[in-house]
Amino acid sequence: MKIDLRSERVRVLIALAFAFLLTVSLREIRGGASSTPDFPCGIGSNQEVSIEVKQGESGSSIANSLFTYGVVKSSQSFFRVAVSDQRAAQIAPGAHRIQKTLCAKDALDQLLDNKRIVGLVNIAEGAWISEILPQMYEAGFSQSEVSAAMRTVKKPTGFTTLEGLFFPAQYSFAKGTSAEAAIVSMLENAKSAMEKAGFFEPNSKFSAQQLLIIASLLQAEGNTGDFEKISQVVRNRLKNGMPLQFDSTVHYIEKRRGSIFLSTKSTLISSPYNTYRRYGLPPGPINNPGLSAMRAAANPAPGDWLYFITVAPFDTRFTSDIEQFNEWKIEYKKNLRAGKFRSSQ
């Protein structure tokens, strides 16, 4: 019997059949999502494995590694959690110590735990090399190996010190990485950042090392929003033949942090880094600055400021008038006595 597709009855039957198939398909998809094999959350094995995450590695690749090493019950379970959780994009490259038999959510949490990264060296903006080296020792590099690498590593042309060239970032070094290779990677990142900041422009009035010194001063002296103004203050003082008189350079000599008050005795220390006694820039950077400070060092804000003072936390003021500066200094001392500069922690 020949079916007439034009008939109303047939069209209704076809529509009902399509709706039935669509419903069944959706149920199967949803059922598959809910039945993806996964271990119970909150119950992991005492056994740990090392999961190596490569730079730029995809979520599906990480999921396969977790499944292969028995961390998750299925690669699909982790992949679905990673896709739905934007934190997954923050998984750092390197070797991660992860428990076995974890649910996908717990596996992601452990991958995001920096304490589980093997060979982690986390360099904060403004850190001194003397603060970075202990991290390298904890990451597995011997003191003798690090010392030898620092003596032999080749610095970029025009740079005389390594301070300032350990670019702030989170580094994770695979087992077997040499100290020299680790330090070289930091130096390469610093050079790349300086290029982005414009340190190597041919018409610059300052050398790349001088700009890095200025960047380190900005990093130590102010908040990010003040960097460009402080950069101009540095230029104005140098142009006028004034000493910089930055407390941060004395703190660098004394290796002291968190101290607001600087004694008269400290300002008399005999050191080329003491900008109270010496004119011009210090001979080298006083910390390892980040990209924002580098950019501000090369691109100051226009202004005639010669003085600046942080009157209260996050309240830094700039002026070219010494009388105005002295008035603000009185306000600063009042706030200091009132405890406004004390840490809230």
C-alpha atoms as a PDB file:
ATOM      1  CA  MET A   1       0.000   0.000   0.000  1.00  0.00           C
ATOM      2  CA  LYS A   2       1.383   3.357  -0.987  1.00  0.00           C
ATOM      3  CA  ILE A   3       1.497   5.953   1.796  1.00  0.00           C
ATOM      4  CA  ASP A   4       0.395   9.451   0.990  1.00  0.00           C
ATOM      5  CA  LEU A   5       2.853  11.713   2.835  1.00  0.00           C
ATOM      6  CA  ARG A   6       0.639  14.671   2.129  1.00  0.00           C
ATOM      7  CA  SER A   7      -2.100  13.392   4.376  1.00  0.00           C
ATOM      8  CA  GLU A   8      -2.579  15.097   7.723  1.00  0.00           C
ATOM      9  CA  ARG A   9      -2.546  11.784   9.602  1.00  0.00           C
ATOM     10  CA  VAL A  10       0.864  10.757   8.333  1.00  0.00           C
ATOM     11  CA  ARG A  11       2.387  14.131   9.129  1.00  0.00           C
ATOM     12  CA  VAL A  12       1.155  13.855  12.731  1.00  0.00           C
ATOM     13  CA  LEU A  13       2.553  10.335  13.082  1.00  0.00           C
ATOM     14  CA  ILE A  14       5.962  11.447  11.772  1.00  0.00           C
ATOM     15  CA  ALA A  15       6.023  14.409  14.162  1.00  0.00           C
ATOM     16  CA  LEU A  16       5.196  12.140  17.121  1.00  0.00           C
ATOM     17  CA  ALA A  17       7.905   9.687  16.105  1.00  0.00           C
ATOM     18  CA  PHE A  18      10.509  12.476  15.842  1.00  0.00           C
ATOM     19  CA  ALA A  19       9.536  13.832  19.263  1.00  0.00           C
ATOM     20  CA  PHE A  20       9.877  10.339  20.746  1.00  0.00           C
ATOM     21  CA  LEU A  21      13.353   9.842  19.255  1.00  0.00           C
ATOM     22  CA  LEU A  22      14.499  13.286  20.418  1.00  0.00           C
ATOM     23  CA  THR A  23      13.328  12.590  23.983  1.00  0.00           C
ATOM     24  CA  VAL A  24      15.105   9.233  24.050  1.00  0.00           C
ATOM     25  CA  SER A  25      18.336  10.817  22.727  1.00  0.00           C
ATOM     26  CA  LEU A  26      18.293  13.560  25.365  1.00  0.00           C
ATOM     27  CA  ARG A  27      17.724  10.995  28.097  1.00  0.00           C
ATOM     28  CA  GLU A  28      20.673   8.968  26.861  1.00  0.00           C
ATOM     29  CA  ILE A  29      22.960  12.059  26.802  1.00  0.00           C
ATOM     30  CA  ARG A  30      21.893  13.125  30.277  1.00  0.00           C
ATOM     31  CA  GLY A  31      22.157   9.594  31.563  1.00  0.00           C
ATOM     32  CA  GLY A  32      25.681   9.318  30.159  1.00  0.00           C
ATOM     33  CA  ALA A  33      26.730  12.563  31.876  1.00  0.00           C
ATOM     34  CA  SER A  34      25.398  11.456  35.242  1.00  0.00           C
ATOM     35  CA  SER A  35      26.812   7.934  34.985  1.00  0.00           C
ATOM     36  CA  THR A  36      30.378   8.928  34.127  1.00  0.00           C
ATOM     37  CA  PRO A  37      32.592   6.788  36.408  1.00  0.00           C
ATOM     38  CA  ASP A  38      33.970   8.825  39.304  1.00  0.00           C
ATOM     39  CA  PHE A  39      35.438   8.024  42.720  1.00  0.00           C
ATOM     40  CA  PRO A  40      33.658   9.307  45.854  1.00  0.00           C
ATOM     41  CA  CYS A  41      34.781  12.768  46.975  1.00  0.00           C
ATOM     42  CA  GLY A  42      36.692  13.271  50.203  1.00  0.00           C
ATOM     43  CA  ILE A  43      38.244   9.801  50.159  1.00  0.00           C
ATOM     44  CA  GLY A  44      41.643   9.538  48.499  1.00  0.00           C
ATOM     45  CA  SER A  45      44.379   6.943  48.676  1.00  0.00           C
ATOM     46  CA  ASN A  46      47.457   7.410  50.871  1.00  0.00           C
ATOM     47  CA  GLN A  47      49.491   6.670  47.762  1.00  0.00           C
ATOM     48  CA  GLU A  48      50.634   9.639  45.661  1.00  0.00           C
ATOM     49  CA  VAL A  49      51.782   9.872  42.054  1.00  0.00           C
ATOM     50  CA  SER A  50      53.578  12.579  40.106  1.00  0.00           C
ATOM     51  CA  ILE A  51      51.554  14.148  37.303  1.00  0.00           C
ATOM     52  CA  GLU A  52      53.590  16.234  34.846  1.00  0.00           C
ATOM     53  CA  VAL A  53      51.632  19.142  33.354  1.00  0.00           C
ATOM     54  CA  LYS A  54      53.272  20.736  30.335  1.00  0.00           C
ATOM     55  CA  GLN A  55      53.042  24.407  29.394  1.00  0.00           C
ATOM     56  CA  GLY A  56      49.807  24.917  27.429  1.00  0.00           C
ATOM     57  CA  GLU A  57      48.676  21.309  27.858  1.00  0.00           C
ATOM     58  CA  SER A  58      45.000  20.715  27.090  1.00  0.00           C
ATOM     59  CA  GLY A  59      42.415  19.650  29.648  1.00  0.00           C
ATOM     60  CA  SER A  60      41.741  16.388  27.831  1.00  0.00           C
ATOM     61  CA  SER A  61      45.444  15.512  27.899  1.00  0.00           C
ATOM     62  CA  ILE A  62      45.664  16.217  31.641  1.00  0.00           C
ATOM     63  CA  ALA A  63      42.519  14.123  32.152  1.00  0.00           C
ATOM     64  CA  ASN A  64      44.106  11.189  30.318  1.00  0.00           C
ATOM     65  CA  SER A  65      47.234  11.423  32.479  1.00  0.00           C
ATOM     66  CA  LEU A  66      45.152  11.451  35.655  1.00  0.00           C
ATOM     67  CA  PHE A  67      43.256   8.371  34.509  1.00  0.00           C
ATOM     68  CA  THR A  68      46.384   6.533  33.386  1.00  0.00           C
ATOM     69  CA  TYR A  69      48.026   7.001  36.803  1.00  0.00           C
ATOM     70  CA  GLY A  70      44.917   5.995  38.743  1.00  0.00           C
ATOM     71  CA  VAL A  71      44.061   9.430  40.108  1.00  0.00           C
ATOM     72  CA  VAL A  72      40.541   9.567  38.658  1.00  0.00           C
ATOM     73  CA  LYS A  73      38.183   6.759  37.742  1.00  0.00           C
ATOM     74  CA  SER A  74      37.677   8.052  34.205  1.00  0.00           C
ATOM     75  CA  SER A  75      39.208  10.768  32.061  1.00  0.00           C
ATOM     76  CA  GLN A  76      35.704  11.970  31.164  1.00  0.00           C
ATOM     77  CA  SER A  77      34.865  12.752  34.796  1.00  0.00           C
ATOM     78  CA  PHE A  78      37.844  15.101  35.160  1.00  0.00           C
ATOM     79  CA  PHE A  79      37.416  16.662  31.735  1.00  0.00           C
ATOM     80  CA  ARG A  80      33.790  17.574  32.484  1.00  0.00           C
ATOM     81  CA  VAL A  81      34.751  19.138  35.833  1.00  0.00           C
ATOM     82  CA  ALA A  82      37.627  21.070  34.220  1.00  0.00           C
ATOM     83  CA  VAL A  83      35.389  22.409  31.436  1.00  0.00           C
ATOM     84  CA  SER A  84      32.784  23.650  33.910  1.00  0.00           C
ATOM     85  CA  ASP A  85      35.265  25.177  36.396  1.00  0.00           C
ATOM     86  CA  GLN A  86      37.153  28.258  35.162  1.00  0.00           C
ATOM     87  CA  ARG A  87      39.865  27.674  37.789  1.00  0.00           C
ATOM     88  CA  ALA A  88      41.152  24.827  35.637  1.00  0.00           C
ATOM     89  CA  ALA A  89      42.830  27.412  33.394  1.00  0.00           C
ATOM     90  CA  GLN A  90      45.087  28.280  36.351  1.00  0.00           C
ATOM     91  CA  ILE A  91      46.727  24.843  36.612  1.00  0.00           C
ATOM     92  CA  ALA A  92      50.443  25.583  36.650  1.00  0.00           C
ATOM     93  CA  PRO A  93      52.910  23.630  34.524  1.00  0.00           C
ATOM     94  CA  GLY A  94      55.270  21.308  36.358  1.00  0.00           C
ATOM     95  CA  ALA A  95      55.214  18.087  38.356  1.00  0.00           C
ATOM     96  CA  HIS A  96      52.285  17.799  40.783  1.00  0.00           C
ATOM     97  CA  ARG A  97      52.096  15.350  43.719  1.00  0.00           C
ATOM     98  CA  ILE A  98      48.528  14.011  43.557  1.00  0.00           C
ATOM     99  CA  GLN A  99      46.750  11.342  45.589  1.00  0.00           C
ATOM    100  CA  LYS A 100      45.300   8.332  43.802  1.00  0.00           C
ATOM    101  CA  THR A 101      41.592   7.404  43.652  1.00  0.00           C
ATOM    102  CA  LEU A 102      40.229  10.935  43.907  1.00  0.00           C
ATOM    103  CA  CYS A 103      36.940  12.252  42.622  1.00  0.00           C
ATOM    104  CA  ALA A 104      37.392  14.641  39.705  1.00  0.00           C
ATOM    105  CA  LYS A 105      36.680  17.739  41.827  1.00  0.00           C
ATOM    106  CA  ASP A 106      39.263  16.782  44.461  1.00  0.00           C
ATOM    107  CA  ALA A 107      41.788  16.042  41.715  1.00  0.00           C
ATOM    108  CA  LEU A 108      41.322  19.563  40.334  1.00  0.00           C
ATOM    109  CA  ASP A 109      41.698  21.063  43.821  1.00  0.00           C
ATOM    110  CA  GLN A 110      45.007  19.243  44.313  1.00  0.00           C
ATOM    111  CA  LEU A 111      46.288  20.328  40.907  1.00  0.00           C
ATOM    112  CA  LEU A 112      45.562  23.928  41.930  1.00  0.00           C
ATOM    113  CA  ASP A 113      47.412  23.552  45.251  1.00  0.00           C
ATOM    114  CA  ASN A 114      50.830  25.167  44.770  1.00  0.00           C
ATOM    115  CA  LYS A 115      52.187  23.275  47.778  1.00  0.00           C
ATOM    116  CA  ARG A 116      51.869  20.094  45.733  1.00  0.00           C
ATOM    117  CA  ILE A 117      54.027  21.358  42.878  1.00  0.00           C
ATOM    118  CA  VAL A 118      57.451  19.744  42.904  1.00  0.00           C
ATOM    119  CA  GLY A 119      60.407  22.111  42.435  1.00  0.00           C
ATOM    120  CA  LEU A 120      58.297  25.260  42.822  1.00  0.00           C
ATOM    121  CA  VAL A 121      60.071  28.615  42.986  1.00  0.00           C
ATOM    122  CA  ASN A 122      57.620  31.480  43.428  1.00  0.00           C
ATOM    123  CA  ILE A 123      59.285  34.874  42.879  1.00  0.00           C
ATOM    124  CA  ALA A 124      57.204  37.799  44.103  1.00  0.00           C
ATOM    125  CA  GLU A 125      57.550  41.244  42.550  1.00  0.00           C
ATOM    126  CA  GLY A 126      60.188  43.150  44.493  1.00  0.00           C
ATOM    127  CA  ALA A 127      61.844  40.049  45.967  1.00  0.00           C
ATOM    128  CA  TRP A 128      65.582  40.097  46.649  1.00  0.00           C
ATOM    129  CA  ILE A 129      67.819  37.332  45.330  1.00  0.00           C
ATOM    130  CA  SER A 130      68.703  36.612  48.952  1.00  0.00           C
ATOM    131  CA  GLU A 131      65.011  35.725  49.445  1.00  0.00           C
ATOM    132  CA  ILE A 132      64.782  33.673  46.253  1.00  0.00           C
ATOM    133  CA  LEU A 133      67.790  31.393  46.805  1.00  0.00           C
ATOM    134  CA  PRO A 134      66.283  29.573  49.836  1.00  0.00           C
ATOM    135  CA  GLN A 135      63.331  28.639  47.625  1.00  0.00           C
ATOM    136  CA  MET A 136      65.716  27.142  45.093  1.00  0.00           C
ATOM    137  CA  TYR A 137      67.351  25.076  47.830  1.00  0.00           C
ATOM    138  CA  GLU A 138      63.929  23.847  48.971  1.00  0.00           C
ATOM    139  CA  ALA A 139      63.109  22.981  45.348  1.00  0.00           C
ATOM    140  CA  GLY A 140      66.038  20.564  45.312  1.00  0.00           C
ATOM    141  CA  PHE A 141      68.955  22.618  44.004  1.00  0.00           C
ATOM    142  CA  SER A 142      72.080  22.359  46.139  1.00  0.00           C
ATOM    143  CA  GLN A 143      73.711  25.514  47.469  1.00  0.00           C
ATOM    144  CA  SER A 144      77.002  24.674  45.766  1.00  0.00           C
ATOM    145  CA  GLU A 145      75.265  24.124  42.416  1.00  0.00           C
ATOM    146  CA  VAL A 146      73.350  27.386  42.688  1.00  0.00           C
ATOM    147  CA  SER A 147      76.470  29.323  43.719  1.00  0.00           C
ATOM    148  CA  ALA A 148      78.407  27.905  40.788  1.00  0.00           C
ATOM    149  CA  ALA A 149      75.583  28.718  38.373  1.00  0.00           C
ATOM    150  CA  MET A 150      75.386  32.307  39.597  1.00  0.00           C
ATOM    151  CA  ARG A 151      79.111  32.714  38.974  1.00  0.00           C
ATOM    152  CA  THR A 152      79.090  31.252  35.486  1.00  0.00           C
ATOM    153  CA  VAL A 153      75.686  32.180  34.026  1.00  0.00           C
ATOM    154  CA  LYS A 154      75.924  34.741  31.255  1.00  0.00           C
ATOM    155  CA  LYS A 155      74.103  37.987  31.994  1.00  0.00           C
ATOM    156  CA  PRO A 156      72.512  40.017  29.171  1.00  0.00           C
ATOM    157  CA  THR A 157      74.864  42.519  27.543  1.00  0.00           C
ATOM    158  CA  GLY A 158      75.208  45.699  29.581  1.00  0.00           C
ATOM    159  CA  PHE A 159      74.144  44.203  32.922  1.00  0.00           C
ATOM    160  CA  THR A 160      76.625  43.857  35.771  1.00  0.00           C
ATOM    161  CA  THR A 161      74.510  42.214  38.497  1.00  0.00           C
ATOM    162  CA  LEU A 162      72.005  39.364  38.656  1.00  0.00           C
ATOM    163  CA  GLU A 163      69.796  41.260  41.095  1.00  0.00           C
ATOM    164  CA  GLY A 164      66.862  42.513  39.057  1.00  0.00           C
ATOM    165  CA  LEU A 165      67.151  39.732  36.467  1.00  0.00           C
ATOM    166  CA  PHE A 166      65.326  36.990  38.379  1.00  0.00           C
ATOM    167  CA  PHE A 167      61.990  37.838  36.787  1.00  0.00           C
ATOM    168  CA  PRO A 168      58.981  37.537  39.136  1.00  0.00           C
ATOM    169  CA  ALA A 169      56.874  34.514  38.212  1.00  0.00           C
ATOM    170  CA  GLN A 170      55.938  31.057  39.421  1.00  0.00           C
ATOM    171  CA  TYR A 171      58.500  28.537  38.216  1.00  0.00           C
ATOM    172  CA  SER A 172      58.268  24.759  38.424  1.00  0.00           C
ATOM    173  CA  PHE A 173      61.361  22.857  37.372  1.00  0.00           C
ATOM    174  CA  ALA A 174      61.284  19.215  36.353  1.00  0.00           C
ATOM    175  CA  LYS A 175      63.478  16.750  38.189  1.00  0.00           C
ATOM    176  CA  GLY A 176      66.990  16.814  36.762  1.00  0.00           C
ATOM    177  CA  THR A 177      66.897  20.485  35.713  1.00  0.00           C
ATOM    178  CA  SER A 178      70.254  22.111  36.431  1.00  0.00           C
ATOM    179  CA  ALA A 179      70.502  25.242  38.546  1.00  0.00           C
ATOM    180  CA  GLU A 180      72.040  27.057  35.604  1.00  0.00           C
ATOM    181  CA  ALA A 181      69.129  26.107  33.326  1.00  0.00           C
ATOM    182  CA  ALA A 182      66.676  27.299  35.985  1.00  0.00           C
ATOM    183  CA  ILE A 183      68.425  30.651  36.391  1.00  0.00           C
ATOM    184  CA  VAL A 184      68.744  31.082  32.626  1.00  0.00           C
ATOM    185  CA  SER A 185      64.967  30.681  32.273  1.00  0.00           C
ATOM    186  CA  MET A 186      64.460  33.493  34.807  1.00  0.00           C
ATOM    187  CA  LEU A 187      66.935  35.721  32.975  1.00  0.00           C
ATOM    188  CA  GLU A 188      65.275  35.027  29.638  1.00  0.00           C
ATOM    189  CA  ASN A 189      61.896  36.007  31.095  1.00  0.00           C
ATOM    190  CA  ALA A 190      63.420  39.217  32.445  1.00  0.00           C
ATOM    191  CA  LYS A 191      64.920  40.092  29.083  1.00  0.00           C
ATOM    192  CA  SER A 192      61.602  39.401  27.343  1.00  0.00           C
ATOM    193  CA  ALA A 193      59.777  41.653  29.844  1.00  0.00           C
ATOM    194  CA  MET A 194      62.334  44.430  29.382  1.00  0.00           C
ATOM    195  CA  GLU A 195      61.841  44.242  25.624  1.00  0.00           C
ATOM    196  CA  LYS A 196      58.072  44.589  26.121  1.00  0.00           C
ATOM    197  CA  ALA A 197      58.659  47.572  28.396  1.00  0.00           C
ATOM    198  CA  GLY A 198      60.847  49.331  25.814  1.00  0.00           C
ATOM    199  CA  PHE A 199      64.189  49.126  27.628  1.00  0.00           C
ATOM    200  CA  PHE A 200      66.178  48.682  24.448  1.00  0.00           C
ATOM    201  CA  GLU A 201      64.875  51.650  22.462  1.00  0.00           C
ATOM    202  CA  PRO A 202      67.852  53.302  20.690  1.00  0.00           C
ATOM    203  CA  ASN A 203      66.841  56.874  21.620  1.00  0.00           C
ATOM    204  CA  SER A 204      66.447  56.223  25.360  1.00  0.00           C
ATOM    205  CA  LYS A 205      68.356  58.558  27.685  1.00  0.00           C
ATOM    206  CA  PHE A 206      68.990  55.640  30.020  1.00  0.00           C
ATOM    207  CA  SER A 207      70.659  52.288  29.442  1.00  0.00           C
ATOM    208  CA  ALA A 208      68.653  49.103  29.928  1.00  0.00           C
ATOM    209  CA  GLN A 209      70.397  48.463  33.245  1.00  0.00           C
ATOM    210  CA  GLN A 210      69.637  51.998  34.445  1.00  0.00           C
ATOM    211  CA  LEU A 211      65.964  51.522  33.547  1.00  0.00           C
ATOM    212  CA  LEU A 212      65.964  48.249  35.467  1.00  0.00           C
ATOM    213  CA  ILE A 213      67.441  50.062  38.472  1.00  0.00           C
ATOM    214  CA  ILE A 214      64.682  52.682  38.216  1.00  0.00           C
ATOM    215  CA  ALA A 215      62.064  49.913  37.923  1.00  0.00           C
ATOM    216  CA  SER A 216      63.373  48.330  41.123  1.00  0.00           C
ATOM    217  CA  LEU A 217      63.096  51.675  42.919  1.00  0.00           C
ATOM    218  CA  LEU A 218      59.502  52.081  41.766  1.00  0.00           C
ATOM    219  CA  GLN A 219      58.670  48.538  42.856  1.00  0.00           C
ATOM    220  CA  ALA A 220      60.032  49.243  46.335  1.00  0.00           C
ATOM    221  CA  GLU A 221      58.741  52.780  46.805  1.00  0.00           C
ATOM    222  CA  GLY A 222      55.127  52.786  45.712  1.00  0.00           C
ATOM    223  CA  ASN A 223      51.947  51.061  44.657  1.00  0.00           C
ATOM    224  CA  THR A 224      51.335  50.160  41.022  1.00  0.00           C
ATOM    225  CA  GLY A 225      49.157  53.232  40.443  1.00  0.00           C
ATOM    226  CA  ASP A 226      52.002  55.515  41.538  1.00  0.00           C
ATOM    227  CA  PHE A 227      54.810  53.930  39.511  1.00  0.00           C
ATOM    228  CA  GLU A 228      54.686  56.352  36.574  1.00  0.00           C
ATOM    229  CA  LYS A 229      54.736  59.440  38.827  1.00  0.00           C
ATOM    230  CA  ILE A 230      57.618  58.114  40.924  1.00  0.00           C
ATOM    231  CA  SER A 231      59.447  57.388  37.680  1.00  0.00           C
ATOM    232  CA  GLN A 232      59.164  61.082  36.819  1.00  0.00           C
ATOM    233  CA  VAL A 233      60.308  62.102  40.304  1.00  0.00           C
ATOM    234  CA  VAL A 234      63.479  60.049  39.770  1.00  0.00           C
ATOM    235  CA  ARG A 235      64.140  61.830  36.480  1.00  0.00           C
ATOM    236  CA  ASN A 236      63.428  65.279  37.914  1.00  0.00           C
ATOM    237  CA  ARG A 237      65.739  64.774  40.864  1.00  0.00           C
ATOM    238  CA  LEU A 238      68.547  63.439  38.691  1.00  0.00           C
ATOM    239  CA  LYS A 239      68.111  66.352  36.292  1.00  0.00           C
ATOM    240  CA  ASN A 240      68.235  68.887  39.144  1.00  0.00           C
ATOM    241  CA  GLY A 241      71.293  67.274  40.734  1.00  0.00           C
ATOM    242  CA  MET A 242      69.392  66.225  43.839  1.00  0.00           C
ATOM    243  CA  PRO A 243      70.081  63.027  45.781  1.00  0.00           C
ATOM    244  CA  LEU A 244      67.245  60.523  45.426  1.00  0.00           C
ATOM    245  CA  GLN A 245      67.046  59.927  49.203  1.00  0.00           C
ATOM    246  CA  PHE A 246      64.950  56.760  48.888  1.00  0.00           C
ATOM    247  CA  ASP A 247      64.456  54.784  52.103  1.00  0.00           C
ATOM    248  CA  SER A 248      64.175  51.585  50.091  1.00  0.00           C
ATOM    249  CA  THR A 249      67.832  51.722  49.074  1.00  0.00           C
ATOM    250  CA  VAL A 250      68.885  51.781  52.732  1.00  0.00           C
ATOM    251  CA  HIS A 251      66.466  48.952  53.538  1.00  0.00           C
ATOM    252  CA  TYR A 252      68.159  46.979  50.771  1.00  0.00           C
ATOM    253  CA  ILE A 253      71.571  47.530  52.354  1.00  0.00           C
ATOM    254  CA  GLU A 254      70.302  46.498  55.784  1.00  0.00           C
ATOM    255  CA  LYS A 255      68.126  43.684  54.386  1.00  0.00           C
ATOM    256  CA  ARG A 256      65.135  44.911  56.378  1.00  0.00           C
ATOM    257  CA  ARG A 257      61.514  44.814  55.274  1.00  0.00           C
ATOM    258  CA  GLY A 258      58.322  46.218  56.691  1.00  0.00           C
ATOM    259  CA  SER A 259      60.001  49.143  58.448  1.00  0.00           C
ATOM    260  CA  ILE A 260      58.464  52.559  57.812  1.00  0.00           C
ATOM    261  CA  PHE A 261      60.783  54.588  60.052  1.00  0.00           C
ATOM    262  CA  LEU A 262      64.364  55.179  58.899  1.00  0.00           C
ATOM    263  CA  SER A 263      66.801  56.374  61.549  1.00  0.00           C
ATOM    264  CA  THR A 264      69.355  59.114  60.957  1.00  0.00           C
ATOM    265  CA  LYS A 265      72.064  56.558  61.717  1.00  0.00           C
ATOM    266  CA  SER A 266      70.852  54.366  58.845  1.00  0.00           C
ATOM    267  CA  THR A 267      71.027  57.255  56.382  1.00  0.00           C
ATOM    268  CA  LEU A 268      74.743  57.624  57.165  1.00  0.00           C
ATOM    269  CA  ILE A 269      75.684  54.073  56.146  1.00  0.00           C
ATOM    270  CA  SER A 270      78.655  54.061  53.791  1.00  0.00           C
ATOM    271  CA  SER A 271      77.461  52.215  50.712  1.00  0.00           C
ATOM    272  CA  PRO A 272      77.110  53.010  46.996  1.00  0.00           C
ATOM    273  CA  TYR A 273      73.445  51.984  47.422  1.00  0.00           C
ATOM    274  CA  ASN A 274      72.797  54.680  50.051  1.00  0.00           C
ATOM    275  CA  THR A 275      70.946  57.351  48.081  1.00  0.00           C
ATOM    276  CA  TYR A 276      71.058  59.691  51.087  1.00  0.00           C
ATOM    277  CA  ARG A 277      74.861  59.962  50.836  1.00  0.00           C
ATOM    278  CA  ARG A 278      75.396  59.234  47.128  1.00  0.00           C
ATOM    279  CA  TYR A 279      74.076  61.155  44.154  1.00  0.00           C
ATOM    280  CA  GLY A 280      72.634  59.477  41.100  1.00  0.00           C
ATOM    281  CA  LEU A 281      71.219  55.996  40.733  1.00  0.00           C
ATOM    282  CA  PRO A 282      72.498  53.132  42.869  1.00  0.00           C
ATOM    283  CA  PRO A 283      74.964  50.853  41.033  1.00  0.00           C
ATOM    284  CA  GLY A 284      72.413  48.091  40.536  1.00  0.00           C
ATOM    285  CA  PRO A 285      68.754  47.137  41.059  1.00  0.00           C
ATOM    286  CA  ILE A 286      67.599  46.803  44.660  1.00  0.00           C
ATOM    287  CA  ASN A 287      65.107  44.001  43.922  1.00  0.00           C
ATOM    288  CA  ASN A 288      63.566  42.045  41.065  1.00  0.00           C
ATOM    289  CA  PRO A 289      60.785  44.228  39.611  1.00  0.00           C
ATOM    290  CA  GLY A 290      57.731  43.105  37.676  1.00  0.00           C
ATOM    291  CA  LEU A 291      56.505  44.165  34.248  1.00  0.00           C
ATOM    292  CA  SER A 292      54.340  47.056  35.505  1.00  0.00           C
ATOM    293  CA  ALA A 293      57.317  48.691  37.216  1.00  0.00           C
ATOM    294  CA  MET A 294      59.450  48.111  34.123  1.00  0.00           C
ATOM    295  CA  ARG A 295      56.912  49.791  31.874  1.00  0.00           C
ATOM    296  CA  ALA A 296      56.633  52.762  34.213  1.00  0.00           C
ATOM    297  CA  ALA A 297      60.425  53.075  34.372  1.00  0.00           C
ATOM    298  CA  ALA A 298      60.537  53.521  30.613  1.00  0.00           C
ATOM    299  CA  ASN A 299      57.335  55.579  30.379  1.00  0.00           C
ATOM    300  CA  PRO A 300      57.045  58.133  33.216  1.00  0.00           C
ATOM    301  CA  ALA A 301      54.037  60.382  33.694  1.00  0.00           C
ATOM    302  CA  PRO A 302      54.720  64.024  32.772  1.00  0.00           C
ATOM    303  CA  GLY A 303      55.026  66.313  35.791  1.00  0.00           C
ATOM    304  CA  ASP A 304      57.346  68.618  37.729  1.00  0.00           C
ATOM    305  CA  TRP A 305      57.200  66.647  40.997  1.00  0.00           C
ATOM    306  CA  LEU A 306      60.322  66.514  43.136  1.00  0.00           C
ATOM    307  CA  TYR A 307      58.839  65.060  46.308  1.00  0.00           C
ATOM    308  CA  PHE A 308      56.391  62.350  47.229  1.00  0.00           C
ATOM    309  CA  ILE A 309      55.282  60.856  50.503  1.00  0.00           C
ATOM    310  CA  THR A 310      52.853  58.154  51.558  1.00  0.00           C
ATOM    311  CA  VAL A 311      50.789  60.006  54.136  1.00  0.00           C
ATOM    312  CA  ALA A 312      48.653  56.960  54.918  1.00  0.00           C
ATOM    313  CA  PRO A 313      48.415  53.481  53.407  1.00  0.00           C
ATOM    314  CA  PHE A 314      47.516  53.851  49.703  1.00  0.00           C
ATOM    315  CA  ASP A 315      47.589  57.654  50.014  1.00  0.00           C
ATOM    316  CA  THR A 316      50.743  58.801  48.224  1.00  0.00           C
ATOM    317  CA  ARG A 317      51.009  62.490  47.334  1.00  0.00           C
ATOM    318  CA  PHE A 318      53.290  64.303  44.894  1.00  0.00           C
ATOM    319  CA  THR A 319      54.467  67.910  44.809  1.00  0.00           C
ATOM    320  CA  SER A 320      57.245  70.193  43.601  1.00  0.00           C
ATOM    321  CA  ASP A 321      56.813  72.442  46.657  1.00  0.00           C
ATOM    322  CA  ILE A 322      59.065  71.643  49.633  1.00  0.00           C
ATOM    323  CA  GLU A 323      56.738  73.495  52.022  1.00  0.00           C
ATOM    324  CA  GLN A 324      53.779  71.387  50.900  1.00  0.00           C
ATOM    325  CA  PHE A 325      55.916  68.280  51.314  1.00  0.00           C
ATOM    326  CA  ASN A 326      56.857  69.268  54.873  1.00  0.00           C
ATOM    327  CA  GLU A 327      53.189  69.795  55.753  1.00  0.00           C
ATOM    328  CA  TRP A 328      52.379  66.323  54.466  1.00  0.00           C
ATOM    329  CA  LYS A 329      55.342  64.969  56.414  1.00  0.00           C
ATOM    330  CA  ILE A 330      53.758  66.244  59.639  1.00  0.00           C
ATOM    331  CA  GLU A 331      50.529  64.479  58.665  1.00  0.00           C
ATOM    332  CA  TYR A 332      52.486  61.307  57.920  1.00  0.00           C
ATOM    333  CA  LYS A 333      54.163  61.347  61.359  1.00  0.00           C
ATOM    334  CA  LYS A 334      50.781  61.858  63.007  1.00  0.00           C
ATOM    335  CA  ASN A 335      49.362  58.858  61.173  1.00  0.00           C
ATOM    336  CA  LEU A 336      52.472  56.843  62.018  1.00  0.00           C
ATOM    337  CA  ARG A 337      52.033  57.539  65.741  1.00  0.00           C
ATOM    338  CA  ALA A 338      48.329  56.667  65.445  1.00  0.00           C
ATOM    339  CA  GLY A 339      49.279  53.235  64.132  1.00  0.00           C
ATOM    340  CA  LYS A 340      47.818  53.616  60.642  1.00  0.00           C
ATOM    341  CA  PHE A 341      50.843  51.931  59.098  1.00  0.00           C
ATOM    342  CA  ARG A 342      50.630  48.830  61.270  1.00  0.00           C
ATOM    343  CA  SER A 343      49.900  45.575  59.519  1.00  0.00           C
ATOM    344  CA  SER A 344      46.311  44.400  59.829  1.00  0.00           C
ATOM    345  CA  GLN A 345      47.518  40.818  60.046  1.00  0.00           C
END
